[in-house]
Protein backbone atom coordinates (compact mmCIF):
# COMPACT_ATOMS: atom_id res chain seq x y z
CA MET A 1 81.56 118.20 94.17
CA VAL A 2 80.55 115.16 92.12
CA LEU A 3 79.90 117.46 89.17
CA MET A 4 83.34 119.09 89.32
CA PRO A 5 85.22 116.33 87.45
CA VAL A 6 82.32 116.08 84.98
CA VAL A 7 82.56 119.83 84.29
CA GLY A 8 86.32 119.50 83.90
CA MET A 9 85.92 116.68 81.39
CA PHE A 10 83.40 118.73 79.40
CA MET A 11 85.70 121.72 79.35
CA SER A 12 88.58 119.59 78.07
CA ALA A 13 86.39 118.21 75.30
CA THR A 14 85.29 121.66 74.10
CA GLN A 15 88.81 123.01 73.65
CA PRO A 16 90.29 123.35 70.17
CA PRO A 17 92.77 120.65 69.19
CA GLY A 18 96.45 121.21 69.87
CA LEU A 19 99.33 121.09 67.44
CA VAL A 20 100.01 117.43 68.21
CA GLU A 21 96.99 115.21 68.75
CA PRO A 22 97.03 111.47 69.37
CA PRO A 23 95.02 109.17 67.12
CA PRO A 24 91.31 109.60 67.87
CA LEU A 25 89.63 107.06 70.11
CA THR A 26 87.12 105.29 67.91
CA LEU A 27 84.06 103.29 68.97
CA ASP A 28 85.79 100.10 67.88
CA ARG A 29 88.48 100.84 70.48
CA LEU A 30 86.16 102.07 73.25
CA VAL A 31 83.68 99.18 73.24
CA PRO A 32 86.36 96.51 73.99
CA LEU A 33 87.66 98.72 76.83
CA VAL A 34 84.17 98.90 78.37
CA GLY A 35 83.70 95.16 77.93
CA ARG A 36 87.05 94.33 79.46
CA THR A 37 86.37 96.63 82.44
CA LEU A 38 82.99 95.02 83.06
CA ALA A 39 84.51 91.55 82.68
CA LEU A 40 87.25 92.44 85.21
CA ALA A 41 84.69 93.78 87.70
CA ALA A 42 82.43 90.71 87.23
CA SER A 43 85.30 88.21 87.57
CA VAL A 44 86.79 89.79 90.68
CA SER A 45 83.38 90.25 92.28
CA ALA A 46 82.41 86.60 91.69
CA LEU A 47 85.71 85.26 93.03
CA SER A 48 85.86 87.62 96.00
CA LEU A 49 82.26 87.01 97.07
CA THR A 50 82.70 83.24 96.78
CA LEU A 51 86.05 83.03 98.54
CA GLY A 52 85.22 85.64 101.17
CA THR A 53 81.90 83.99 102.00
CA TRP A 54 83.55 80.57 102.24
CA LEU A 55 86.26 81.81 104.60
CA ALA A 56 83.70 83.63 106.76
CA TRP A 57 81.43 80.56 106.92
CA VAL A 58 84.13 78.11 108.01
CA ALA A 59 85.42 80.62 110.58
CA VAL A 60 82.01 81.21 112.20
CA ARG A 61 80.14 77.93 111.66
CA SER A 62 82.91 75.34 112.10
CA SER A 63 86.14 74.70 113.88
CA TYR A 64 89.60 73.53 112.81
CA ARG A 65 93.11 74.05 114.06
CA PHE A 66 94.43 77.61 113.91
CA SER A 67 91.10 78.85 112.49
CA GLY A 68 91.13 82.04 114.56
CA THR A 69 94.75 82.89 113.73
CA LEU A 70 94.27 82.19 110.04
CA ALA A 71 91.12 84.28 109.95
CA GLN A 72 93.03 87.24 111.44
CA LEU A 73 95.91 86.75 109.00
CA GLY A 74 93.40 86.62 106.12
CA ILE A 75 92.53 90.30 106.50
CA LEU A 76 96.16 91.52 106.45
CA PRO A 77 96.17 92.10 102.66
CA LEU A 78 94.09 95.21 103.50
CA VAL A 79 97.23 96.94 104.75
CA ILE A 80 99.13 96.39 101.50
CA PRO A 81 97.91 98.51 98.54
CA SER A 82 96.87 96.57 95.46
CA TYR A 83 99.41 98.33 93.24
CA LEU A 84 102.22 97.24 95.60
CA ILE A 85 101.04 93.60 95.51
CA ALA A 86 100.86 93.86 91.70
CA ALA A 87 104.40 95.23 91.41
CA ILE A 88 105.83 92.48 93.62
CA LEU A 89 103.96 89.57 92.02
CA ARG A 90 104.91 90.84 88.56
CA GLU A 91 108.56 90.49 89.50
CA GLU A 92 108.29 87.32 91.59
CA LEU A 93 106.18 85.40 89.07
CA ALA A 94 108.21 86.37 86.06
CA PRO A 95 109.49 83.40 83.97
CA GLN A 96 113.14 83.97 84.99
CA SER A 97 112.40 84.43 88.70
CA MET A 98 112.71 81.77 91.41
CA TRP A 99 108.97 81.37 91.89
CA GLY A 100 108.31 81.60 88.15
CA SER A 101 110.82 78.79 87.48
CA LEU A 102 109.37 76.58 90.26
CA LEU A 103 105.80 77.08 89.03
CA GLY A 104 106.71 76.70 85.38
CA VAL A 105 105.57 80.20 84.38
CA GLU A 106 106.18 80.75 80.66
CA SER A 107 104.85 84.29 80.17
CA ALA A 108 105.07 87.57 82.05
CA PHE A 109 102.70 88.07 84.96
CA MET A 110 100.60 90.85 83.52
CA GLY A 111 97.37 91.55 81.68
CA PHE A 112 93.78 90.60 82.46
CA GLY A 113 94.33 87.31 84.34
CA ALA A 114 97.03 88.83 86.54
CA SER A 115 94.75 91.77 87.36
CA VAL A 116 91.97 89.38 88.35
CA LEU A 117 94.30 87.57 90.72
CA VAL A 118 95.74 90.68 92.37
CA LEU A 119 92.38 92.45 92.79
CA THR A 120 90.83 89.27 94.19
CA LEU A 121 93.58 89.18 96.82
CA SER A 122 92.86 92.81 97.72
CA CYS A 123 89.04 92.56 97.75
CA THR A 124 88.45 89.18 99.42
CA PRO A 125 89.30 90.48 102.96
CA TYR A 126 86.58 93.14 102.63
CA VAL A 127 84.00 90.48 101.82
CA GLN A 128 85.26 88.20 104.57
CA LEU A 129 84.90 90.95 107.20
CA LEU A 130 81.42 91.93 106.06
CA VAL A 131 80.06 88.39 105.76
CA THR A 132 81.62 87.38 109.09
CA ALA A 133 79.80 90.26 110.75
CA GLY A 134 76.59 89.25 108.94
CA LEU A 135 76.86 85.62 110.07
CA ARG A 136 77.55 86.58 113.68
CA SER A 137 74.40 88.72 113.65
CA LEU A 138 72.22 85.73 112.66
CA PRO A 139 70.43 83.67 115.36
CA ALA A 140 72.71 80.82 116.40
CA SER A 141 69.81 78.78 117.78
CA GLU A 142 68.38 78.14 114.30
CA ASP A 143 71.70 76.83 113.01
CA GLU A 144 72.16 74.59 116.05
CA ALA A 145 68.61 73.21 115.71
CA ALA A 146 69.09 72.45 111.99
CA ARG A 147 72.44 70.76 112.71
CA SER A 148 70.86 68.64 115.46
CA LEU A 149 68.25 67.45 112.91
CA GLY A 150 70.97 66.26 110.59
CA ALA A 151 71.07 69.15 108.10
CA SER A 152 74.37 69.41 106.23
CA SER A 153 76.47 72.54 106.15
CA TRP A 154 75.33 73.26 102.58
CA THR A 155 71.66 72.89 103.54
CA ARG A 156 72.04 75.13 106.59
CA PHE A 157 73.84 77.74 104.51
CA ARG A 158 71.36 77.63 101.61
CA ARG A 159 68.15 77.58 103.70
CA LEU A 160 69.04 79.69 106.70
CA ALA A 161 72.05 81.93 106.06
CA ALA A 162 71.88 82.78 102.35
CA PRO A 163 68.46 84.53 102.33
CA ARG A 164 69.48 86.80 105.22
CA LEU A 165 72.93 87.51 103.78
CA ARG A 166 71.53 89.05 100.59
CA PRO A 167 71.85 92.65 101.88
CA THR A 168 75.40 91.92 103.02
CA TRP A 169 76.26 90.39 99.65
CA ALA A 170 74.72 93.38 97.89
CA PHE A 171 76.84 95.83 99.86
CA SER A 172 79.92 93.63 99.34
CA LEU A 173 79.23 93.52 95.59
CA ALA A 174 78.91 97.27 95.43
CA LEU A 175 82.14 97.73 97.38
CA VAL A 176 84.14 95.26 95.30
CA ALA A 177 82.74 96.23 91.90
CA LEU A 178 83.27 99.95 92.45
CA TYR A 179 86.76 99.23 93.80
CA VAL A 180 87.67 97.29 90.66
CA VAL A 181 86.18 99.82 88.22
CA SER A 182 87.96 102.66 89.99
CA ASP A 183 91.28 100.84 90.46
CA PHE A 184 94.19 102.42 88.71
CA GLY A 185 97.43 101.34 90.36
CA ALA A 186 97.17 97.55 89.93
CA VAL A 187 95.96 97.64 86.33
CA ALA A 188 98.62 100.24 85.48
CA VAL A 189 101.42 98.13 86.94
CA LEU A 190 100.11 94.99 85.22
CA ASP A 191 99.43 96.86 81.97
CA CYS A 192 95.84 95.70 81.79
CA GLU A 193 93.94 97.64 79.14
CA VAL A 194 90.90 98.88 81.03
CA LEU A 195 89.27 102.29 81.14
CA THR A 196 91.09 103.81 84.12
CA TRP A 197 94.56 102.95 82.78
CA GLU A 198 93.62 104.23 79.31
CA LEU A 199 92.25 107.44 80.83
CA TYR A 200 95.51 108.10 82.61
CA LYS A 201 97.50 107.49 79.42
CA ALA A 202 95.12 109.74 77.48
CA ARG A 203 95.35 112.76 79.80
CA GLY A 204 95.71 115.84 77.69
CA ALA A 205 93.92 114.19 74.76
CA ARG A 206 90.59 115.51 73.56
CA ASP A 207 89.00 112.05 73.56
CA ALA A 208 89.60 111.45 77.26
CA TYR A 209 86.05 112.48 78.06
CA ARG A 210 84.84 109.53 75.95
CA ILE A 211 86.77 107.17 78.20
CA ALA A 212 85.29 108.90 81.24
CA LEU A 213 81.80 108.39 79.88
CA GLY A 214 82.70 104.75 79.32
CA ILE A 215 83.62 104.43 83.01
CA LEU A 216 80.27 105.93 84.01
CA VAL A 217 78.53 103.49 81.65
CA CYS A 218 80.22 100.58 83.45
CA ILE A 219 78.94 101.76 86.82
CA ILE A 220 75.23 101.66 85.81
CA PRO A 221 74.93 97.86 85.25
CA LEU A 222 77.00 97.19 88.37
CA LEU A 223 74.65 99.23 90.53
CA ALA A 224 71.68 97.51 88.86
CA ALA A 225 73.18 94.12 89.75
CA VAL A 226 73.59 95.27 93.35
CA ARG A 227 69.97 96.34 93.50
CA LEU A 228 68.85 93.01 91.98
CA LEU A 229 70.90 91.02 94.47
CA GLN A 230 69.62 93.06 97.40
CA GLY A 231 65.99 92.67 96.43
CA ARG A 232 63.40 93.90 98.85
CA ALA A 233 64.66 93.70 102.37
CA LYS A 234 62.12 92.21 104.73
CA PRO A 235 62.34 92.62 108.50
CA ASP A 236 63.30 89.47 110.33
CA ARG A 237 60.87 89.02 113.17
CA HIS A 238 62.42 85.83 114.36
CA GLN A 239 65.83 87.13 115.11
CA GLY A 240 67.45 85.31 117.94
CA ALA A 241 70.52 85.88 119.94
CA ALA A 242 73.35 87.18 117.87
CA ARG A 243 76.02 84.74 119.02
CA ALA A 244 78.21 82.04 117.57
CA PRO A 245 77.18 78.40 117.94
CA SER A 246 78.13 77.00 121.33
CA ALA A 247 79.92 73.98 119.86
CA PRO A 248 80.69 74.46 116.17
CA PRO A 249 81.34 71.17 114.39
CA SER A 250 84.77 70.21 113.17
CA LEU A 251 85.40 70.37 109.46
CA GLN A 252 85.72 67.12 107.62
CA THR A 253 88.92 66.26 105.79
CA GLY A 254 87.94 67.59 102.38
CA PRO A 255 86.49 70.97 103.46
CA ARG A 256 89.31 71.36 106.00
CA ALA A 257 91.94 70.93 103.27
CA LEU A 258 90.07 73.42 101.11
CA ALA A 259 89.95 75.93 103.96
CA TYR A 260 93.72 75.64 104.53
CA LEU A 261 94.39 76.03 100.81
CA SER A 262 92.19 79.15 100.72
CA HIS A 263 94.10 80.66 103.65
CA ILE A 264 97.46 79.80 102.05
CA PHE A 265 96.33 81.49 98.82
CA ILE A 266 95.25 84.73 100.51
CA VAL A 267 97.97 84.97 103.14
CA GLY A 268 100.77 83.61 100.98
CA LEU A 269 100.23 85.75 97.87
CA GLY A 270 98.74 88.75 99.70
CA VAL A 271 101.06 89.05 102.72
CA ILE A 272 104.01 86.66 103.01
CA ILE A 273 105.40 86.95 99.50
CA PRO A 274 104.93 90.77 99.30
CA VAL A 275 106.54 91.50 102.69
CA SER A 276 109.37 89.01 102.32
CA THR A 277 110.07 90.23 98.77
CA MET A 278 110.28 93.87 99.86
CA VAL A 279 112.68 92.93 102.64
CA ARG A 280 114.82 90.92 100.21
CA TRP A 281 114.91 93.79 97.70
CA VAL A 282 116.04 96.23 100.38
CA LEU A 283 118.73 93.84 101.67
CA ALA A 284 119.93 93.20 98.10
CA GLY A 285 120.18 96.93 97.54
CA LEU A 286 122.23 97.34 100.72
CA GLU A 287 124.44 94.37 99.81
CA HIS A 288 125.24 95.77 96.37
CA ASP A 289 125.57 99.36 97.63
CA ALA A 290 122.66 100.47 95.48
CA GLY A 291 121.99 104.14 95.63
CA PHE A 292 118.56 104.45 97.20
CA ALA A 293 116.50 107.43 96.19
CA SER A 294 115.83 109.85 99.02
CA ILE A 295 112.94 108.48 101.02
CA GLY A 296 112.74 110.94 103.91
CA GLY A 297 110.87 113.52 101.85
CA PRO A 298 108.16 111.11 100.60
CA LEU A 299 107.76 109.71 104.12
CA VAL A 300 107.26 113.12 105.68
CA THR A 301 104.98 114.20 102.82
CA THR A 302 102.88 111.06 103.27
CA VAL A 303 102.45 111.66 106.99
CA ILE A 304 101.62 115.35 106.48
CA TYR A 305 99.13 114.82 103.68
CA ALA A 306 97.50 111.84 105.43
CA THR A 307 97.25 113.83 108.67
CA LEU A 308 95.82 116.97 107.07
CA GLY A 309 93.79 115.12 104.44
CA ALA A 310 92.07 112.93 107.04
CA ALA A 311 91.25 116.00 109.14
CA VAL A 312 89.81 117.87 106.12
CA VAL A 313 87.67 114.91 105.04
CA LEU A 314 86.47 114.33 108.60
CA VAL A 315 85.35 117.95 108.98
CA ALA A 316 83.65 117.87 105.55
CA SER A 317 81.86 114.65 106.51
CA LEU A 318 80.38 116.07 109.70
CA LEU A 319 77.97 118.40 107.89
CA PRO A 320 76.08 115.80 105.79
CA ALA A 321 76.22 113.33 108.69
CA ALA A 322 74.68 115.88 111.06
CA PHE A 323 71.88 116.84 108.66
CA SER A 324 71.19 113.19 107.84
CA SER A 325 70.92 112.33 111.54
CA ARG A 326 68.46 115.16 112.25
CA SER A 327 65.98 114.45 109.45
CA GLN A 328 64.98 110.91 108.49
CA SER A 329 63.14 111.97 105.32
CA LYS A 330 65.91 114.20 104.02
CA GLY A 331 68.60 111.95 105.42
CA ALA A 332 68.05 109.34 102.69
CA TRP A 333 68.63 111.90 99.94
CA ILE A 334 71.71 113.24 101.70
CA GLU A 335 73.06 109.71 102.13
CA HIS A 336 72.48 108.79 98.48
CA GLY A 337 74.17 112.00 97.33
CA THR A 338 77.12 111.39 99.60
CA TYR A 339 77.61 107.82 98.47
CA ALA A 340 77.42 108.95 94.85
CA THR A 341 80.99 110.13 95.27
CA SER A 342 82.11 106.51 95.66
CA SER A 343 81.00 105.82 92.12
CA VAL A 344 83.55 108.29 90.68
CA PRO A 345 86.91 106.53 90.13
CA GLY A 346 89.91 108.31 91.53
CA VAL A 347 91.65 108.74 88.17
CA LEU A 348 88.45 110.15 86.63
CA LEU A 349 88.02 112.52 89.54
CA ALA A 350 91.63 113.68 89.38
CA PHE A 351 91.53 114.06 85.59
CA GLY A 352 88.37 116.17 85.71
CA VAL A 353 89.68 118.44 88.47
CA LEU A 354 93.01 118.82 86.66
CA HIS A 355 91.35 119.92 83.43
CA LEU A 356 88.98 122.23 85.32
CA VAL A 357 92.02 123.95 86.84
CA LEU A 358 93.67 124.26 83.40
CA PHE A 359 90.44 125.71 81.98
CA LEU A 360 90.19 128.29 84.78
CA GLU A 361 93.81 129.32 84.30
CA ARG A 362 93.19 129.84 80.59
CA GLU A 363 89.72 131.37 80.54
CA ALA A 364 89.48 133.14 83.92
CA PRO A 365 92.98 134.24 84.96
CA ILE A 366 93.19 136.05 88.28
CA SER A 367 96.60 137.54 88.98
CA LEU A 368 98.22 137.34 92.41
CA GLY A 369 101.53 139.03 91.94
CA ASP A 370 103.81 136.83 89.83
CA GLU A 371 101.36 133.92 89.55
CA SER A 372 97.64 133.33 89.04
CA LEU A 373 95.18 132.50 91.79
CA TRP A 374 94.61 129.03 90.37
CA SER A 375 98.34 128.25 90.26
CA TRP A 376 98.67 129.50 93.82
CA LEU A 377 95.80 127.25 94.95
CA GLU A 378 97.29 124.32 93.06
CA GLY A 379 100.71 124.88 94.60
CA GLY A 380 99.11 125.10 98.05
CA SER A 381 97.56 121.63 97.61
CA VAL A 382 94.03 123.07 97.76
CA PHE A 383 92.86 121.07 94.77
CA LEU A 384 94.56 117.97 96.14
CA PHE A 385 92.60 118.23 99.37
CA MET A 386 89.44 118.86 97.38
CA GLY A 387 90.19 115.62 95.54
CA TYR A 388 90.59 113.80 98.87
CA ILE A 389 87.23 115.13 100.01
CA MET A 390 85.51 113.95 96.83
CA ARG A 391 87.33 110.62 96.98
CA PHE A 392 86.70 109.73 100.60
CA LEU A 393 83.58 111.71 101.62
CA SER A 394 81.44 108.58 101.64
CA GLN A 395 83.88 106.78 103.93
CA GLY A 396 84.00 109.74 106.27
CA TYR A 397 80.20 109.96 106.28
CA ALA A 398 79.82 106.24 107.07
CA ALA A 399 82.27 106.57 109.95
CA THR A 400 81.06 109.83 111.48
CA LYS A 401 77.30 109.29 111.35
CA PRO A 402 77.36 106.46 113.97
CA ALA A 403 79.41 108.74 116.23
CA ILE A 404 76.72 111.41 115.99
CA LEU A 405 73.98 108.89 116.65
CA GLN A 406 75.78 107.80 119.84
CA VAL A 407 74.87 111.14 121.47
CA ASP A 408 71.89 110.87 123.83
CA THR A 409 69.56 113.63 122.66
CA ARG A 410 67.71 113.50 125.99
CA LEU A 411 70.84 114.82 127.74
CA VAL A 412 71.08 117.59 125.13
CA ASP A 413 67.44 118.55 125.64
CA ALA A 414 67.85 118.46 129.44
CA ALA A 415 70.92 120.67 129.25
CA ARG A 416 69.15 123.13 127.00
CA SER A 417 66.17 123.27 129.38
CA LEU A 418 68.55 124.07 132.26
CA GLY A 419 69.96 127.03 130.36
CA ALA A 420 73.19 125.53 129.02
CA GLY A 421 74.40 127.38 125.90
CA THR A 422 75.51 125.85 122.65
CA ILE A 423 79.23 125.95 123.50
CA ARG A 424 78.67 124.38 126.88
CA ARG A 425 76.53 121.58 125.38
CA LEU A 426 79.17 120.91 122.74
CA ARG A 427 81.96 120.78 125.34
CA HIS A 428 80.21 118.68 127.98
CA ILE A 429 77.84 116.41 125.98
CA TRP A 430 78.56 116.27 122.28
CA ALA A 431 82.36 116.19 122.40
CA PRO A 432 82.78 113.41 125.03
CA SER A 433 80.14 111.24 123.38
CA MET A 434 81.46 111.65 119.83
CA ALA A 435 85.19 111.62 120.58
CA PRO A 436 85.83 107.83 120.38
CA GLY A 437 83.89 107.45 117.15
CA LEU A 438 85.50 110.49 115.55
CA LEU A 439 88.98 109.31 116.54
CA ALA A 440 88.29 105.94 114.92
CA ALA A 441 86.92 107.66 111.81
CA TYR A 442 90.03 109.88 111.65
CA VAL A 443 92.42 106.92 111.76
CA LEU A 444 90.37 105.11 109.10
CA LEU A 445 90.62 108.14 106.81
CA PHE A 446 94.35 108.52 107.61
CA VAL A 447 94.97 104.99 106.35
CA ALA A 448 92.88 105.55 103.22
CA VAL A 449 94.64 108.82 102.30
CA ALA A 450 98.09 107.32 102.98
CA LYS A 451 97.45 104.49 100.46
CA GLU A 452 95.70 106.63 97.84
CA LEU A 453 97.44 106.79 94.44
CA PRO A 454 95.58 108.33 91.41
CA VAL A 455 94.38 111.57 93.03
CA THR A 456 97.78 112.12 94.64
CA LEU A 457 99.63 111.21 91.45
CA MET A 458 97.78 113.74 89.31
CA LEU A 459 97.02 116.59 91.74
CA ILE A 460 100.03 116.78 94.07
CA PRO A 461 102.11 119.96 93.63
CA ALA A 462 105.13 119.62 91.36
CA GLY A 463 108.27 118.43 93.09
CA GLN A 464 106.49 116.56 95.88
CA GLN A 465 106.04 112.79 96.27
CA THR A 466 104.25 110.53 98.72
CA LEU A 467 105.27 106.94 99.45
CA ALA A 468 102.52 105.68 97.15
CA TYR A 469 103.78 108.01 94.41
CA ARG A 470 107.34 106.79 95.04
CA VAL A 471 106.33 103.12 94.79
CA PHE A 472 104.60 103.73 91.43
CA ASP A 473 107.49 105.82 90.12
CA ALA A 474 110.16 103.36 91.24
CA GLN A 475 108.28 100.43 89.72
CA SER A 476 108.05 102.23 86.38
CA GLU A 477 111.83 102.79 86.60
CA ALA A 478 112.41 99.09 87.54
CA SER A 479 114.22 100.18 90.69
CA LEU A 480 113.31 97.21 92.92
CA PRO A 481 115.28 98.33 96.05
CA ASP A 482 113.46 101.67 95.96
CA VAL A 483 110.11 99.87 95.53
CA GLY A 484 110.91 97.66 98.52
CA LEU A 485 112.00 100.50 100.80
CA ALA A 486 109.08 102.79 99.92
CA GLY A 487 106.63 99.87 100.11
CA LEU A 488 107.84 98.74 103.53
CA LEU A 489 107.61 102.26 104.92
CA LEU A 490 104.10 102.62 103.47
CA VAL A 491 103.03 99.34 105.07
CA VAL A 492 104.50 100.48 108.40
CA VAL A 493 102.55 103.76 108.23
CA VAL A 494 99.33 101.91 107.42
CA VAL A 495 99.88 99.24 110.09
CA LEU A 496 100.53 101.90 112.74
CA GLY A 497 97.27 103.53 111.66
CA GLN A 498 95.44 100.19 111.95
CA VAL A 499 96.94 99.60 115.42
CA ALA A 500 95.83 103.02 116.55
CA LEU A 501 92.36 102.33 115.15
CA SER A 502 92.06 99.07 117.07
CA ARG A 503 93.19 100.73 120.28
CA TRP A 504 90.68 103.57 119.91
CA ARG A 505 87.91 101.08 119.10
CA ARG A 506 88.76 99.24 122.31
CA TYR A 507 88.62 102.54 124.14
CA ALA A 508 85.29 103.35 122.55
CA ARG A 509 83.81 100.14 123.86
């Protein structure tokens, strides 16, 4: 599946030129795009890792008023897609806007700096969650002993926490860097000239494959940096109880003020302003009797595609997860191959599949009545679901494998020895043990598919729209009430998915 978009890109590059061809993409144009993409990934990664680690550290290793509430609010930007935050901040921080006038903004909120800000808001919660989990897994006794001996917070962090957080930082870096390189919606809304946005604008052009190769070139140094940061993991033989300190110290005035400012930055720009702005846009549209575009169709389409897409990805994830769980030696290769799909940006994946379909329609037509087989499959959303599988297979794998490992193989062996058949073992042992984990995995994939933009934008059948598609389309048309309405409904769908996920996780425990 990883090779499908690559094959599609190759096929598009080997076709003869059309009657109207855009100016060729020269090396002088491509090199700055690669450099800007790498600079964007490096900037967002550095800011997200620093800010996310800081927020996780003060939440776990210190105490201040409202720390728990603020930590929970700090992860809420996860429910708002980056392209929606970008569309709102572009309007709210414009020079003529209320916030733009108060802050003295003199130029439009767009370009490289704006993209760094928006993507940092979207990526910091991921780092905060991962580092918080990593800190809570460290022995609290060592931190308490060092604090009792007079070690400062910086010394305790540098000597005790930092060496053991390297694997967590490496995974966070990989997550953030690949997210930034593959991001399409935010950079498109903010008109930041990076590879994914240029690839979308160049669809249909013969030089698009050069941009795709540039994206793959960006991924190599990022993965090398991840490997360098991770280093050689050494087992920790002195692991203590994985609990928080019994009496975390109170933050001093300076660090406490910095912590509050960090929370205000994340929650204010990532949650409060976006949600309040969308509500205001909708109310303004109602007040001025603005004709809202039909939203029922995109809402229903979003729910249908998210429901079916999550199910398809979950089923596709079970096979590699099962094989990986059975064989430790082969499992590593299966896992690496599965996670390789995360390195393919959504717009590149969608572009490659789209051109592969066009190539098949042109070179291998198979008639089915009045239309070709490939057109029928495209109209039936088959290629869209294939895109979802390629896009989210790694997430499905990561969520389903723990569910499979929860099954007690001793019970399976005992049932087999007592003569229980395969169906009976599946119904009485495998299904009850895996159900909570699979339900949680399904909801996680539902949320991911509901927010997805580039694959849906390029592979959805003609005449259909999802809420994410509608947000992007309305923003390009400068229809703010439609952006607000579609955005609010999308946030509601995602929040309901998150609520269901938390309930099922509680049930699983």
